């Protein structure tokens, strides 16, 4: 059975005043057992937070 992984990259453009460096993007992963459930989760995530980038990839 194939496993689909939802890769989520949170693009944070905020600067930390203590370091004067932009914060690095946060990456999260979640596994699904079908492309459809992965895509549905991706759609929900982007609706809730339009500033993120998410994609479903076959593991």
C-alpha atoms as a PDB file:
ATOM      1  CA  UNK A   1       0.000   0.000   0.000  1.00  0.00           C
ATOM      2  CA  UNK A   2       1.355   3.405  -0.920  1.00  0.00           C
ATOM      3  CA  UNK A   3       1.891   6.174   1.585  1.00  0.00           C
ATOM      4  CA  UNK A   4       1.312   9.809   0.775  1.00  0.00           C
ATOM      5  CA  UNK A   5       3.103  12.472   2.759  1.00  0.00           C
ATOM      6  CA  UNK A   6       1.752  15.979   3.194  1.00  0.00           C
ATOM      7  CA  UNK A   7       4.693  18.355   3.376  1.00  0.00           C
ATOM      8  CA  UNK A   8       3.848  21.681   4.943  1.00  0.00           C
ATOM      9  CA  UNK A   9       6.209  24.614   4.823  1.00  0.00           C
ATOM     10  CA  UNK A  10       5.258  27.601   6.927  1.00  0.00           C
ATOM     11  CA  UNK A  11       6.785  30.657   5.359  1.00  0.00           C
ATOM     12  CA  UNK A  12       7.542  33.047   8.182  1.00  0.00           C
ATOM     13  CA  UNK A  13       8.821  36.423   7.097  1.00  0.00           C
ATOM     14  CA  UNK A  14       9.111  37.785  10.615  1.00  0.00           C
ATOM     15  CA  UNK A  15      12.402  39.038  11.930  1.00  0.00           C
ATOM     16  CA  UNK A  16      13.608  38.288  15.411  1.00  0.00           C
ATOM     17  CA  UNK A  17      14.789  41.527  17.044  1.00  0.00           C
ATOM     18  CA  UNK A  18      17.289  39.597  19.164  1.00  0.00           C
ATOM     19  CA  UNK A  19      19.178  38.058  16.269  1.00  0.00           C
ATOM     20  CA  UNK A  20      18.330  40.354  13.321  1.00  0.00           C
ATOM     21  CA  UNK A  21      17.832  37.233  11.225  1.00  0.00           C
ATOM     22  CA  UNK A  22      14.685  36.105   9.506  1.00  0.00           C
ATOM     23  CA  UNK A  23      13.280  32.977  11.061  1.00  0.00           C
ATOM     24  CA  UNK A  24      13.711  29.831   9.045  1.00  0.00           C
ATOM     25  CA  UNK A  25      10.693  28.142   7.465  1.00  0.00           C
ATOM     26  CA  UNK A  26       9.052  25.489   9.592  1.00  0.00           C
ATOM     27  CA  UNK A  27       8.478  22.135   7.954  1.00  0.00           C
ATOM     28  CA  UNK A  28       5.872  19.629   9.083  1.00  0.00           C
ATOM     29  CA  UNK A  29       4.990  16.213   7.701  1.00  0.00           C
ATOM     30  CA  UNK A  30       1.917  14.055   7.975  1.00  0.00           C
ATOM     31  CA  UNK A  31       1.349  10.648   6.388  1.00  0.00           C
ATOM     32  CA  UNK A  32      -1.812   9.462   4.666  1.00  0.00           C
ATOM     33  CA  UNK A  33      -2.741   6.198   3.004  1.00  0.00           C
ATOM     34  CA  UNK A  34      -4.332   7.758  -0.072  1.00  0.00           C
ATOM     35  CA  UNK A  35      -3.771  10.742  -2.302  1.00  0.00           C
ATOM     36  CA  UNK A  36      -7.336  11.924  -1.771  1.00  0.00           C
ATOM     37  CA  UNK A  37      -7.096  12.170   2.019  1.00  0.00           C
ATOM     38  CA  UNK A  38      -3.763  13.936   1.610  1.00  0.00           C
ATOM     39  CA  UNK A  39      -5.186  16.474  -0.834  1.00  0.00           C
ATOM     40  CA  UNK A  40      -8.243  17.055   1.363  1.00  0.00           C
ATOM     41  CA  UNK A  41      -6.024  17.790   4.355  1.00  0.00           C
ATOM     42  CA  UNK A  42      -3.901  20.091   2.204  1.00  0.00           C
ATOM     43  CA  UNK A  43      -6.970  22.035   1.084  1.00  0.00           C
ATOM     44  CA  UNK A  44      -8.148  22.478   4.673  1.00  0.00           C
ATOM     45  CA  UNK A  45      -4.718  23.676   5.806  1.00  0.00           C
ATOM     46  CA  UNK A  46      -4.418  26.277   3.065  1.00  0.00           C
ATOM     47  CA  UNK A  47      -7.941  27.529   3.798  1.00  0.00           C
ATOM     48  CA  UNK A  48      -6.990  28.035   7.450  1.00  0.00           C
ATOM     49  CA  UNK A  49      -3.588  29.542   6.745  1.00  0.00           C
ATOM     50  CA  UNK A  50      -3.103  30.979   3.228  1.00  0.00           C
ATOM     51  CA  UNK A  51       0.531  31.882   3.919  1.00  0.00           C
ATOM     52  CA  UNK A  52       1.674  28.276   4.014  1.00  0.00           C
ATOM     53  CA  UNK A  53       2.867  26.084   1.209  1.00  0.00           C
ATOM     54  CA  UNK A  54       1.790  22.449   1.224  1.00  0.00           C
ATOM     55  CA  UNK A  55       2.172  19.564  -1.173  1.00  0.00           C
ATOM     56  CA  UNK A  56       1.369  15.878  -1.246  1.00  0.00           C
ATOM     57  CA  UNK A  57       4.126  13.536  -2.318  1.00  0.00           C
ATOM     58  CA  UNK A  58       4.270   9.788  -2.704  1.00  0.00           C
ATOM     59  CA  UNK A  59       6.602   8.272  -0.158  1.00  0.00           C
END
